[in-house]
Amino acid sequence: MTDDTPTEKRNAVSTALGKSLKAIRIAANKSQETLAFEAEVDRTFISLIERGLANPSVLTLANICFALNTTMAELFAGVNSSVPASSHIRRSNRAQPSLKPVKSRLR
């Protein structure tokens, strides 16, 4: 997703998580740059998370929470939405297994 992706097409969970992160960061009186330095991520990644454009790993979120002196439960407390499984388009498995019998090396 790019920055020009309309807000209504962004993932609702990512957007809610970003808003929650921004509120906690501002309450902690930290800039994106300070938070990024303390969480050992890039400042632009913090910005992407706050705008709902990035999908951070659990470890990254744990580092961010540690830097903000908060818990992941508090971070996710502001996330009141979920995404039904059917809303995601999954890629099909394009692997084409060989149907040839494997030749045995034993004789």
Protein backbone atom coordinates (compact mmCIF):
# COMPACT_ATOMS: atom_id res chain seq x y z
CA MET A 1 0.00 0.00 0.00
CA THR A 2 1.23 3.44 -0.79
CA ASP A 3 0.64 6.69 1.02
CA ASP A 4 -1.95 7.68 -1.59
CA THR A 5 -4.10 4.66 -0.68
CA PRO A 6 -7.52 5.97 0.38
CA THR A 7 -8.15 5.63 4.10
CA GLU A 8 -11.33 3.60 3.54
CA LYS A 9 -9.33 0.93 1.65
CA ARG A 10 -6.68 0.54 4.35
CA ASN A 11 -6.86 -2.34 6.79
CA ALA A 12 -9.12 -1.27 9.67
CA VAL A 13 -6.97 -3.05 12.26
CA SER A 14 -3.74 -1.42 11.04
CA THR A 15 -5.39 2.00 11.00
CA ALA A 16 -6.77 1.58 14.53
CA LEU A 17 -3.41 0.31 15.78
CA GLY A 18 -1.69 3.32 14.23
CA LYS A 19 -4.08 5.75 15.90
CA SER A 20 -3.57 4.03 19.24
CA LEU A 21 0.22 4.12 18.84
CA LYS A 22 0.17 7.81 17.97
CA ALA A 23 -2.01 8.66 20.98
CA ILE A 24 0.28 6.75 23.35
CA ARG A 25 3.39 8.29 21.78
CA ILE A 26 2.02 11.82 22.15
CA ALA A 27 0.92 11.11 25.74
CA ALA A 28 4.49 9.95 26.45
CA ASN A 29 5.72 13.26 24.97
CA LYS A 30 8.00 11.53 22.45
CA SER A 31 8.65 12.42 18.84
CA GLN A 32 8.61 9.81 16.12
CA GLU A 33 12.35 10.19 15.84
CA THR A 34 12.96 9.63 19.55
CA LEU A 35 10.64 6.63 19.64
CA ALA A 36 12.26 5.15 16.55
CA PHE A 37 15.73 5.52 18.06
CA GLU A 38 14.69 3.89 21.33
CA ALA A 39 12.80 1.06 19.59
CA GLU A 40 15.65 0.53 17.11
CA VAL A 41 13.55 1.10 13.99
CA ASP A 42 13.54 3.78 11.33
CA ARG A 43 11.53 6.97 11.93
CA THR A 44 9.70 6.49 8.64
CA PHE A 45 8.56 3.05 9.82
CA ILE A 46 6.95 4.63 12.91
CA SER A 47 5.19 7.06 10.57
CA LEU A 48 3.99 4.22 8.33
CA ILE A 49 2.63 2.32 11.34
CA GLU A 50 0.81 5.39 12.64
CA ARG A 51 -0.81 5.94 9.24
CA GLY A 52 -1.88 2.29 8.98
CA LEU A 53 0.40 1.59 6.02
CA ALA A 54 2.82 -0.85 7.67
CA ASN A 55 2.30 -4.25 9.21
CA PRO A 56 4.88 -4.45 12.02
CA SER A 57 5.95 -7.74 13.54
CA VAL A 58 5.07 -8.65 17.10
CA LEU A 59 8.72 -8.21 18.09
CA THR A 60 8.77 -4.69 16.62
CA LEU A 61 5.58 -3.82 18.49
CA ALA A 62 7.10 -5.20 21.70
CA ASN A 63 10.18 -3.00 21.21
CA ILE A 64 7.98 0.03 20.57
CA CYS A 65 5.90 -0.70 23.69
CA PHE A 66 9.07 -1.06 25.77
CA ALA A 67 10.30 2.31 24.49
CA LEU A 68 6.94 3.87 25.40
CA ASN A 69 6.87 2.17 28.82
CA THR A 70 3.53 0.57 28.01
CA THR A 71 2.21 -2.92 27.36
CA MET A 72 0.98 -4.46 24.16
CA ALA A 73 -2.41 -4.90 25.84
CA GLU A 74 -2.61 -1.13 26.33
CA LEU A 75 -1.53 -0.57 22.73
CA PHE A 76 -4.23 -2.89 21.43
CA ALA A 77 -6.89 -1.58 23.83
CA GLY A 78 -7.70 1.09 21.25
CA VAL A 79 -8.19 -1.50 18.51
CA ASN A 80 -11.86 -2.39 18.56
CA SER A 81 -12.14 -3.84 15.09
CA SER A 82 -11.36 -7.16 13.52
CA VAL A 83 -11.13 -8.35 9.96
CA PRO A 84 -13.13 -11.34 8.78
CA ALA A 85 -11.06 -14.06 7.18
CA SER A 86 -13.02 -13.80 3.94
CA SER A 87 -11.97 -10.17 3.41
CA HIS A 88 -8.42 -11.16 2.49
CA ILE A 89 -7.55 -12.48 -0.91
CA ARG A 90 -5.11 -15.32 -0.48
CA ARG A 91 -2.61 -16.23 -3.11
CA SER A 92 -3.03 -19.67 -4.56
CA ASN A 93 -0.21 -22.15 -4.35
CA ARG A 94 1.47 -21.98 -7.73
CA ALA A 95 3.87 -24.82 -7.04
CA GLN A 96 3.49 -27.63 -9.51
CA PRO A 97 4.70 -30.83 -7.89
CA SER A 98 6.27 -33.39 -10.13
CA LEU A 99 4.02 -36.39 -10.65
CA LYS A 100 6.86 -38.55 -11.92
CA PRO A 101 7.71 -41.49 -9.67
CA VAL A 102 10.97 -41.04 -7.83
CA LYS A 103 13.53 -43.53 -9.04
CA SER A 104 15.06 -45.54 -6.31
CA ARG A 105 18.81 -45.68 -6.08
CA LEU A 106 18.58 -49.10 -4.52
CA ARG A 107 18.66 -52.05 -6.93
